[in-house]
């Protein structure tokens, strides 16, 4: 019985990883289609987590580069800043 339970748990973990990986690789358009299909299921139309996920997907699909975070831009990448390739503490040329 213990080996069967272990196989079931491993199978559920693998299936969860496959679903998560597929979700992350989908485009924003396909994510919204999947969310619309899931919300059409009985009882899922009023789920709070589904509404949050839909709102997050809509906010990230606003523009051509909306999928990336503007917070990822390091402060050294601003205009007039020194090159990021410099060694910290090195003398200026």
PDB file of N, CA and C in Angstrom:
ATOM      1  N   UNK A   1       0.822  -1.202   0.000  1.00  0.00           N
ATOM      2  CA  UNK A   1       0.000   0.000   0.000  1.00  0.00           C
ATOM      3  C   UNK A   1       0.860   1.257   0.000  1.00  0.00           C
ATOM      4  N   UNK A   2       1.987   1.186   0.668  1.00  0.00           N
ATOM      5  CA  UNK A   2       2.868   2.341   0.769  1.00  0.00           C
ATOM      6  C   UNK A   2       3.457   2.712  -0.593  1.00  0.00           C
ATOM      7  N   UNK A   3       3.816   1.720  -1.399  1.00  0.00           N
ATOM      8  CA  UNK A   3       4.386   1.978  -2.722  1.00  0.00           C
ATOM      9  C   UNK A   3       3.344   2.584  -3.657  1.00  0.00           C
ATOM     10  N   UNK A   4       2.096   2.150  -3.527  1.00  0.00           N
ATOM     11  CA  UNK A   4       1.026   2.695  -4.365  1.00  0.00           C
ATOM     12  C   UNK A   4       0.782   4.163  -4.019  1.00  0.00           C
ATOM     13  N   UNK A   5       0.758   4.456  -2.731  1.00  0.00           N
ATOM     14  CA  UNK A   5       0.570   5.842  -2.298  1.00  0.00           C
ATOM     15  C   UNK A   5       1.713   6.721  -2.788  1.00  0.00           C
ATOM     16  N   UNK A   6       2.920   6.202  -2.738  1.00  0.00           N
ATOM     17  CA  UNK A   6       4.075   6.957  -3.214  1.00  0.00           C
ATOM     18  C   UNK A   6       3.965   7.232  -4.710  1.00  0.00           C
ATOM     19  N   UNK A   7       3.531   6.260  -5.482  1.00  0.00           N
ATOM     20  CA  UNK A   7       3.378   6.453  -6.919  1.00  0.00           C
ATOM     21  C   UNK A   7       2.287   7.467  -7.235  1.00  0.00           C
ATOM     22  N   UNK A   8       1.218   7.465  -6.463  1.00  0.00           N
ATOM     23  CA  UNK A   8       0.138   8.432  -6.667  1.00  0.00           C
ATOM     24  C   UNK A   8       0.628   9.842  -6.360  1.00  0.00           C
ATOM     25  N   UNK A   9       1.358  10.004  -5.266  1.00  0.00           N
ATOM     26  CA  UNK A   9       1.879  11.327  -4.898  1.00  0.00           C
ATOM     27  C   UNK A   9       2.855  11.832  -5.954  1.00  0.00           C
ATOM     28  N   UNK A  10       3.739  10.982  -6.419  1.00  0.00           N
ATOM     29  CA  UNK A  10       4.700  11.384  -7.457  1.00  0.00           C
ATOM     30  C   UNK A  10       3.969  11.734  -8.741  1.00  0.00           C
ATOM     31  N   UNK A  11       2.959  10.961  -9.091  1.00  0.00           N
ATOM     32  CA  UNK A  11       2.172  11.256 -10.297  1.00  0.00           C
ATOM     33  C   UNK A  11       1.466  12.602 -10.191  1.00  0.00           C
ATOM     34  N   UNK A  12       0.909  12.909  -9.023  1.00  0.00           N
ATOM     35  CA  UNK A  12       0.258  14.211  -8.826  1.00  0.00           C
ATOM     36  C   UNK A  12       1.259  15.361  -8.902  1.00  0.00           C
ATOM     37  N   UNK A  13       2.442  15.170  -8.342  1.00  0.00           N
ATOM     38  CA  UNK A  13       3.476  16.204  -8.409  1.00  0.00           C
ATOM     39  C   UNK A  13       3.926  16.446  -9.849  1.00  0.00           C
ATOM     40  N   UNK A  14       4.120  15.391 -10.593  1.00  0.00           N
ATOM     41  CA  UNK A  14       4.537  15.534 -11.998  1.00  0.00           C
ATOM     42  C   UNK A  14       3.439  16.211 -12.805  1.00  0.00           C
ATOM     43  N   UNK A  15       2.193  15.813 -12.591  1.00  0.00           N
ATOM     44  CA  UNK A  15       1.082  16.438 -13.309  1.00  0.00           C
ATOM     45  C   UNK A  15       0.971  17.922 -12.967  1.00  0.00           C
ATOM     46  N   UNK A  16       1.165  18.265 -11.698  1.00  0.00           N
ATOM     47  CA  UNK A  16       1.138  19.668 -11.291  1.00  0.00           C
ATOM     48  C   UNK A  16       2.252  20.472 -11.944  1.00  0.00           C
ATOM     49  N   UNK A  17       3.434  19.886 -12.025  1.00  0.00           N
ATOM     50  CA  UNK A  17       4.558  20.567 -12.674  1.00  0.00           C
ATOM     51  C   UNK A  17       4.312  20.760 -14.169  1.00  0.00           C
ATOM     52  N   UNK A  18       3.697  19.780 -14.804  1.00  0.00           N
ATOM     53  CA  UNK A  18       3.392  19.893 -16.231  1.00  0.00           C
ATOM     54  C   UNK A  18       2.385  21.019 -16.465  1.00  0.00           C
ATOM     55  N   UNK A  19       1.356  21.077 -15.628  1.00  0.00           N
ATOM     56  CA  UNK A  19       0.346  22.129 -15.774  1.00  0.00           C
ATOM     57  C   UNK A  19       0.968  23.499 -15.535  1.00  0.00           C
ATOM     58  N   UNK A  20       1.793  23.623 -14.501  1.00  0.00           N
ATOM     59  CA  UNK A  20       2.433  24.903 -14.208  1.00  0.00           C
ATOM     60  C   UNK A  20       3.360  25.332 -15.339  1.00  0.00           C
ATOM     61  N   UNK A  21       4.151  24.411 -15.861  1.00  0.00           N
ATOM     62  CA  UNK A  21       5.070  24.748 -16.952  1.00  0.00           C
ATOM     63  C   UNK A  21       4.308  25.157 -18.206  1.00  0.00           C
ATOM     64  N   UNK A  22       3.243  24.436 -18.509  1.00  0.00           N
ATOM     65  CA  UNK A  22       2.447  24.789 -19.684  1.00  0.00           C
ATOM     66  C   UNK A  22       1.816  26.167 -19.503  1.00  0.00           C
ATOM     67  N   UNK A  23       1.335  26.473 -18.313  1.00  0.00           N
ATOM     68  CA  UNK A  23       0.724  27.782 -18.043  1.00  0.00           C
ATOM     69  C   UNK A  23       1.739  28.900 -18.238  1.00  0.00           C
ATOM     70  N   UNK A  24       2.944  28.703 -17.737  1.00  0.00           N
ATOM     71  CA  UNK A  24       3.975  29.735 -17.851  1.00  0.00           C
ATOM     72  C   UNK A  24       4.419  29.945 -19.298  1.00  0.00           C
ATOM     73  N   UNK A  25       4.345  28.907 -20.121  1.00  0.00           N
ATOM     74  CA  UNK A  25       4.786  29.015 -21.505  1.00  0.00           C
ATOM     75  C   UNK A  25       3.695  29.511 -22.444  1.00  0.00           C
ATOM     76  N   UNK A  26       2.449  29.544 -21.992  1.00  0.00           N
ATOM     77  CA  UNK A  26       1.358  30.024 -22.840  1.00  0.00           C
ATOM     78  C   UNK A  26       1.467  31.531 -23.056  1.00  0.00           C
ATOM     79  N   UNK A  27       1.002  31.984 -24.188  1.00  0.00           N
ATOM     80  CA  UNK A  27       0.938  33.421 -24.427  1.00  0.00           C
ATOM     81  C   UNK A  27      -0.227  33.998 -23.621  1.00  0.00           C
ATOM     82  N   UNK A  28      -0.261  35.302 -23.482  1.00  0.00           N
ATOM     83  CA  UNK A  28      -1.326  35.951 -22.710  1.00  0.00           C
ATOM     84  C   UNK A  28      -2.692  35.689 -23.343  1.00  0.00           C
ATOM     85  N   UNK A  29      -2.733  35.636 -24.644  1.00  0.00           N
ATOM     86  CA  UNK A  29      -3.993  35.394 -25.346  1.00  0.00           C
ATOM     87  C   UNK A  29      -4.536  34.001 -25.035  1.00  0.00           C
ATOM     88  N   UNK A  30      -3.660  33.009 -25.075  1.00  0.00           N
ATOM     89  CA  UNK A  30      -4.089  31.644 -24.773  1.00  0.00           C
ATOM     90  C   UNK A  30      -4.445  31.487 -23.295  1.00  0.00           C
ATOM     91  N   UNK A  31      -3.739  32.189 -22.416  1.00  0.00           N
ATOM     92  CA  UNK A  31      -4.084  32.139 -20.992  1.00  0.00           C
ATOM     93  C   UNK A  31      -5.496  32.654 -20.758  1.00  0.00           C
ATOM     94  N   UNK A  32      -5.847  33.748 -21.437  1.00  0.00           N
ATOM     95  CA  UNK A  32      -7.195  34.294 -21.280  1.00  0.00           C
ATOM     96  C   UNK A  32      -8.244  33.337 -21.835  1.00  0.00           C
ATOM     97  N   UNK A  33      -7.928  32.656 -22.926  1.00  0.00           N
ATOM     98  CA  UNK A  33      -8.865  31.663 -23.468  1.00  0.00           C
ATOM     99  C   UNK A  33      -9.071  30.510 -22.488  1.00  0.00           C
ATOM    100  N   UNK A  34      -7.985  30.060 -21.874  1.00  0.00           N
ATOM    101  CA  UNK A  34      -8.089  28.981 -20.887  1.00  0.00           C
ATOM    102  C   UNK A  34      -8.911  29.443 -19.693  1.00  0.00           C
ATOM    103  N   UNK A  35      -8.673  30.666 -19.226  1.00  0.00           N
ATOM    104  CA  UNK A  35      -9.429  31.191 -18.087  1.00  0.00           C
ATOM    105  C   UNK A  35     -10.902  31.334 -18.422  1.00  0.00           C
ATOM    106  N   UNK A  36     -11.228  31.743 -19.645  1.00  0.00           N
ATOM    107  CA  UNK A  36     -12.630  31.831 -20.053  1.00  0.00           C
ATOM    108  C   UNK A  36     -13.274  30.451 -20.077  1.00  0.00           C
ATOM    109  N   UNK A  37     -12.538  29.457 -20.545  1.00  0.00           N
ATOM    110  CA  UNK A  37     -13.080  28.096 -20.581  1.00  0.00           C
ATOM    111  C   UNK A  37     -13.295  27.549 -19.166  1.00  0.00           C
ATOM    112  N   UNK A  38     -12.352  27.835 -18.269  1.00  0.00           N
ATOM    113  CA  UNK A  38     -12.487  27.359 -16.892  1.00  0.00           C
ATOM    114  C   UNK A  38     -13.630  28.075 -16.176  1.00  0.00           C
ATOM    115  N   UNK A  39     -13.796  29.356 -16.436  1.00  0.00           N
ATOM    116  CA  UNK A  39     -14.870  30.100 -15.768  1.00  0.00           C
ATOM    117  C   UNK A  39     -16.249  29.672 -16.264  1.00  0.00           C
ATOM    118  N   UNK A  40     -16.327  29.021 -17.420  1.00  0.00           N
ATOM    119  CA  UNK A  40     -17.604  28.538 -17.929  1.00  0.00           C
ATOM    120  C   UNK A  40     -18.049  27.259 -17.221  1.00  0.00           C
ATOM    121  N   UNK A  41     -17.140  26.614 -16.490  1.00  0.00           N
ATOM    122  CA  UNK A  41     -17.495  25.411 -15.748  1.00  0.00           C
ATOM    123  C   UNK A  41     -18.438  25.762 -14.601  1.00  0.00           C
ATOM    124  N   UNK A  42     -19.336  24.865 -14.261  1.00  0.00           N
ATOM    125  CA  UNK A  42     -20.271  25.153 -13.166  1.00  0.00           C
ATOM    126  C   UNK A  42     -19.537  25.332 -11.841  1.00  0.00           C
ATOM    127  N   UNK A  43     -19.853  26.391 -11.134  1.00  0.00           N
ATOM    128  CA  UNK A  43     -19.256  26.655  -9.829  1.00  0.00           C
ATOM    129  C   UNK A  43     -17.947  27.421  -9.875  1.00  0.00           C
ATOM    130  N   UNK A  44     -17.312  27.520 -11.012  1.00  0.00           N
ATOM    131  CA  UNK A  44     -16.024  28.211 -11.103  1.00  0.00           C
ATOM    132  C   UNK A  44     -16.179  29.657 -11.528  1.00  0.00           C
ATOM    133  N   UNK A  45     -17.367  30.060 -11.909  1.00  0.00           N
ATOM    134  CA  UNK A  45     -17.583  31.415 -12.397  1.00  0.00           C
ATOM    135  C   UNK A  45     -17.375  32.491 -11.354  1.00  0.00           C
ATOM    136  N   UNK A  46     -17.605  32.151 -10.080  1.00  0.00           N
ATOM    137  CA  UNK A  46     -17.473  33.148  -9.020  1.00  0.00           C
ATOM    138  C   UNK A  46     -16.258  32.917  -8.137  1.00  0.00           C
ATOM    139  N   UNK A  47     -15.316  32.129  -8.574  1.00  0.00           N
ATOM    140  CA  UNK A  47     -14.125  31.847  -7.780  1.00  0.00           C
ATOM    141  C   UNK A  47     -13.237  33.089  -7.719  1.00  0.00           C
ATOM    142  N   UNK A  48     -12.810  33.450  -6.518  1.00  0.00           N
ATOM    143  CA  UNK A  48     -11.995  34.653  -6.317  1.00  0.00           C
ATOM    144  C   UNK A  48     -10.619  34.482  -6.959  1.00  0.00           C
ATOM    145  N   UNK A  49     -10.026  33.285  -6.806  1.00  0.00           N
ATOM    146  CA  UNK A  49      -8.690  33.074  -7.360  1.00  0.00           C
ATOM    147  C   UNK A  49      -8.700  33.153  -8.878  1.00  0.00           C
ATOM    148  N   UNK A  50      -9.823  32.749  -9.480  1.00  0.00           N
ATOM    149  CA  UNK A  50      -9.934  32.807 -10.932  1.00  0.00           C
ATOM    150  C   UNK A  50     -10.028  34.259 -11.409  1.00  0.00           C
ATOM    151  N   UNK A  51     -10.756  35.076 -10.670  1.00  0.00           N
ATOM    152  CA  UNK A  51     -10.863  36.489 -11.021  1.00  0.00           C
ATOM    153  C   UNK A  51      -9.517  37.199 -10.868  1.00  0.00           C
ATOM    154  N   UNK A  52      -8.783  36.852  -9.813  1.00  0.00           N
ATOM    155  CA  UNK A  52      -7.454  37.461  -9.620  1.00  0.00           C
ATOM    156  C   UNK A  52      -6.487  37.062 -10.727  1.00  0.00           C
ATOM    157  N   UNK A  53      -6.531  35.793 -11.086  1.00  0.00           N
ATOM    158  CA  UNK A  53      -5.650  35.303 -12.154  1.00  0.00           C
ATOM    159  C   UNK A  53      -5.995  35.953 -13.482  1.00  0.00           C
ATOM    160  N   UNK A  54      -7.277  36.134 -13.745  1.00  0.00           N
ATOM    161  CA  UNK A  54      -7.703  36.804 -14.974  1.00  0.00           C
ATOM    162  C   UNK A  54      -7.252  38.264 -14.978  1.00  0.00           C
ATOM    163  N   UNK A  55      -7.389  38.946 -13.839  1.00  0.00           N
ATOM    164  CA  UNK A  55      -6.970  40.348 -13.752  1.00  0.00           C
ATOM    165  C   UNK A  55      -5.460  40.474 -13.953  1.00  0.00           C
ATOM    166  N   UNK A  56      -4.700  39.560 -13.383  1.00  0.00           N
ATOM    167  CA  UNK A  56      -3.243  39.593 -13.543  1.00  0.00           C
ATOM    168  C   UNK A  56      -2.860  39.342 -14.997  1.00  0.00           C
ATOM    169  N   UNK A  57      -3.539  38.406 -15.642  1.00  0.00           N
ATOM    170  CA  UNK A  57      -3.251  38.124 -17.052  1.00  0.00           C
ATOM    171  C   UNK A  57      -3.607  39.300 -17.940  1.00  0.00           C
ATOM    172  N   UNK A  58      -4.720  39.972 -17.631  1.00  0.00           N
ATOM    173  CA  UNK A  58      -5.103  41.148 -18.410  1.00  0.00           C
ATOM    174  C   UNK A  58      -4.126  42.301 -18.216  1.00  0.00           C
ATOM    175  N   UNK A  59      -3.640  42.487 -17.009  1.00  0.00           N
ATOM    176  CA  UNK A  59      -2.719  43.592 -16.760  1.00  0.00           C
ATOM    177  C   UNK A  59      -1.375  43.362 -17.440  1.00  0.00           C
ATOM    178  N   UNK A  60      -0.979  42.119 -17.590  1.00  0.00           N
ATOM    179  CA  UNK A  60       0.305  41.826 -18.230  1.00  0.00           C
ATOM    180  C   UNK A  60       0.223  41.811 -19.739  1.00  0.00           C
ATOM    181  N   UNK A  61      -0.973  41.798 -20.286  1.00  0.00           N
ATOM    182  CA  UNK A  61      -1.102  41.756 -21.739  1.00  0.00           C
ATOM    183  C   UNK A  61      -1.434  43.126 -22.318  1.00  0.00           C
ATOM    184  N   UNK A  62      -1.163  44.188 -21.601  1.00  0.00           N
ATOM    185  CA  UNK A  62      -1.520  45.527 -22.036  1.00  0.00           C
ATOM    186  C   UNK A  62      -0.722  46.049 -23.210  1.00  0.00           C
ATOM    187  N   UNK A  63       0.531  45.697 -23.312  1.00  0.00           N
ATOM    188  CA  UNK A  63       1.362  46.225 -24.389  1.00  0.00           C
ATOM    189  C   UNK A  63       2.314  45.176 -24.907  1.00  0.00           C
ATOM    190  N   UNK A  64       3.174  45.605 -25.791  1.00  0.00           N
ATOM    191  CA  UNK A  64       4.108  44.671 -26.410  1.00  0.00           C
ATOM    192  C   UNK A  64       5.109  44.134 -25.407  1.00  0.00           C
ATOM    193  N   UNK A  65       5.473  44.944 -24.432  1.00  0.00           N
ATOM    194  CA  UNK A  65       6.467  44.519 -23.455  1.00  0.00           C
ATOM    195  C   UNK A  65       5.862  44.489 -22.060  1.00  0.00           C
ATOM    196  N   UNK A  66       4.588  44.266 -21.931  1.00  0.00           N
ATOM    197  CA  UNK A  66       3.944  44.306 -20.628  1.00  0.00           C
ATOM    198  C   UNK A  66       4.248  43.071 -19.796  1.00  0.00           C
ATOM    199  N   UNK A  67       4.784  42.038 -20.386  1.00  0.00           N
ATOM    200  CA  UNK A  67       5.065  40.826 -19.647  1.00  0.00           C
ATOM    201  C   UNK A  67       6.263  40.959 -18.731  1.00  0.00           C
ATOM    202  N   UNK A  68       7.124  41.929 -18.991  1.00  0.00           N
ATOM    203  CA  UNK A  68       8.293  42.096 -18.142  1.00  0.00           C
ATOM    204  C   UNK A  68       8.021  43.165 -17.099  1.00  0.00           C
ATOM    205  N   UNK A  69       8.736  43.071 -16.007  1.00  0.00           N
ATOM    206  CA  UNK A  69       8.551  44.024 -14.929  1.00  0.00           C
ATOM    207  C   UNK A  69       9.513  45.196 -15.108  1.00  0.00           C
ATOM    208  N   UNK A  70       9.004  46.389 -14.905  1.00  0.00           N
ATOM    209  CA  UNK A  70       9.877  47.565 -14.987  1.00  0.00           C
ATOM    210  C   UNK A  70      10.754  47.661 -13.756  1.00  0.00           C
ATOM    211  N   UNK A  71      10.422  46.918 -12.719  1.00  0.00           N
ATOM    212  CA  UNK A  71      11.243  46.919 -11.513  1.00  0.00           C
ATOM    213  C   UNK A  71      12.538  46.141 -11.724  1.00  0.00           C
ATOM    214  N   UNK A  72      12.628  45.345 -12.778  1.00  0.00           N
ATOM    215  CA  UNK A  72      13.832  44.574 -13.053  1.00  0.00           C
ATOM    216  C   UNK A  72      14.948  45.421 -13.644  1.00  0.00           C
ATOM    217  N   UNK A  73      14.652  46.644 -14.045  1.00  0.00           N
ATOM    218  CA  UNK A  73      15.661  47.508 -14.639  1.00  0.00           C
ATOM    219  C   UNK A  73      16.568  48.015 -13.531  1.00  0.00           C
ATOM    220  N   UNK A  74      17.860  47.707 -13.589  1.00  0.00           N
ATOM    221  CA  UNK A  74      18.756  48.153 -12.529  1.00  0.00           C
ATOM    222  C   UNK A  74      18.967  49.658 -12.586  1.00  0.00           C
ATOM    223  N   UNK A  75      19.289  50.291 -11.451  1.00  0.00           N
ATOM    224  CA  UNK A  75      19.482  51.745 -11.427  1.00  0.00           C
ATOM    225  C   UNK A  75      20.609  52.219 -12.336  1.00  0.00           C
ATOM    226  N   UNK A  76      21.595  51.373 -12.611  1.00  0.00           N
ATOM    227  CA  UNK A  76      22.715  51.775 -13.461  1.00  0.00           C
ATOM    228  C   UNK A  76      22.310  51.864 -14.929  1.00  0.00           C
ATOM    229  N   UNK A  77      21.139  51.386 -15.279  1.00  0.00           N
ATOM    230  CA  UNK A  77      20.706  51.414 -16.670  1.00  0.00           C
ATOM    231  C   UNK A  77      20.013  52.728 -17.029  1.00  0.00           C
ATOM    232  N   UNK A  78      19.965  53.665 -16.117  1.00  0.00           N
ATOM    233  CA  UNK A  78      19.323  54.943 -16.396  1.00  0.00           C
ATOM    234  C   UNK A  78      20.242  55.804 -17.246  1.00  0.00           C
ATOM    235  N   UNK A  79      19.680  56.816 -17.879  1.00  0.00           N
ATOM    236  CA  UNK A  79      20.451  57.693 -18.759  1.00  0.00           C
ATOM    237  C   UNK A  79      21.513  58.446 -17.973  1.00  0.00           C
ATOM    238  N   UNK A  80      22.696  58.522 -18.520  1.00  0.00           N
ATOM    239  CA  UNK A  80      23.780  59.255 -17.892  1.00  0.00           C
ATOM    240  C   UNK A  80      24.536  58.459 -16.845  1.00  0.00           C
ATOM    241  N   UNK A  81      24.169  57.240 -16.616  1.00  0.00           N
ATOM    242  CA  UNK A  81      24.846  56.427 -15.612  1.00  0.00           C
ATOM    243  C   UNK A  81      26.079  55.779 -16.223  1.00  0.00           C
ATOM    244  N   UNK A  82      26.993  55.375 -15.363  1.00  0.00           N
ATOM    245  CA  UNK A  82      28.203  54.729 -15.852  1.00  0.00           C
ATOM    246  C   UNK A  82      27.883  53.321 -16.331  1.00  0.00           C
ATOM    247  N   UNK A  83      28.800  52.757 -17.062  1.00  0.00           N
ATOM    248  CA  UNK A  83      28.605  51.430 -17.627  1.00  0.00           C
ATOM    249  C   UNK A  83      28.532  50.383 -16.527  1.00  0.00           C
ATOM    250  N   UNK A  84      27.687  49.366 -16.732  1.00  0.00           N
ATOM    251  CA  UNK A  84      27.573  48.286 -15.758  1.00  0.00           C
ATOM    252  C   UNK A  84      28.744  47.324 -15.858  1.00  0.00           C
ATOM    253  N   UNK A  85      29.559  47.450 -16.898  1.00  0.00           N
ATOM    254  CA  UNK A  85      30.676  46.533 -17.096  1.00  0.00           C
ATOM    255  C   UNK A  85      31.909  46.923 -16.303  1.00  0.00           C
ATOM    256  N   UNK A  86      31.871  48.023 -15.598  1.00  0.00           N
ATOM    257  CA  UNK A  86      33.024  48.462 -14.842  1.00  0.00           C
ATOM    258  C   UNK A  86      33.175  47.634 -13.581  1.00  0.00           C
ATOM    259  N   UNK A  87      34.387  47.420 -13.198  1.00  0.00           N
ATOM    260  CA  UNK A  87      34.671  46.734 -11.947  1.00  0.00           C
ATOM    261  C   UNK A  87      34.453  47.703 -10.796  1.00  0.00           C
ATOM    262  N   UNK A  88      33.737  47.288  -9.770  1.00  0.00           N
ATOM    263  CA  UNK A  88      33.516  48.195  -8.639  1.00  0.00           C
ATOM    264  C   UNK A  88      34.841  48.599  -8.005  1.00  0.00           C
ATOM    265  N   UNK A  89      35.023  49.854  -7.767  1.00  0.00           N
ATOM    266  CA  UNK A  89      36.236  50.352  -7.152  1.00  0.00           C
ATOM    267  C   UNK A  89      37.378  50.570  -8.114  1.00  0.00           C
ATOM    268  N   UNK A  90      37.195  50.309  -9.395  1.00  0.00           N
ATOM    269  CA  UNK A  90      38.277  50.473 -10.366  1.00  0.00           C
ATOM    270  C   UNK A  90      38.438  51.953 -10.686  1.00  0.00           C
ATOM    271  N   UNK A  91      39.632  52.323 -11.095  1.00  0.00           N
ATOM    272  CA  UNK A  91      39.889  53.715 -11.455  1.00  0.00           C
ATOM    273  C   UNK A  91      39.213  54.037 -12.782  1.00  0.00           C
ATOM    274  N   UNK A  92      38.752  55.260 -12.910  1.00  0.00           N
ATOM    275  CA  UNK A  92      38.134  55.689 -14.162  1.00  0.00           C
ATOM    276  C   UNK A  92      39.205  55.993 -15.186  1.00  0.00           C
ATOM    277  N   UNK A  93      38.881  55.726 -16.443  1.00  0.00           N
ATOM    278  CA  UNK A  93      39.849  55.970 -17.523  1.00  0.00           C
ATOM    279  C   UNK A  93      39.720  57.373 -18.019  1.00  0.00           C
TER     280      UNK A  93
END
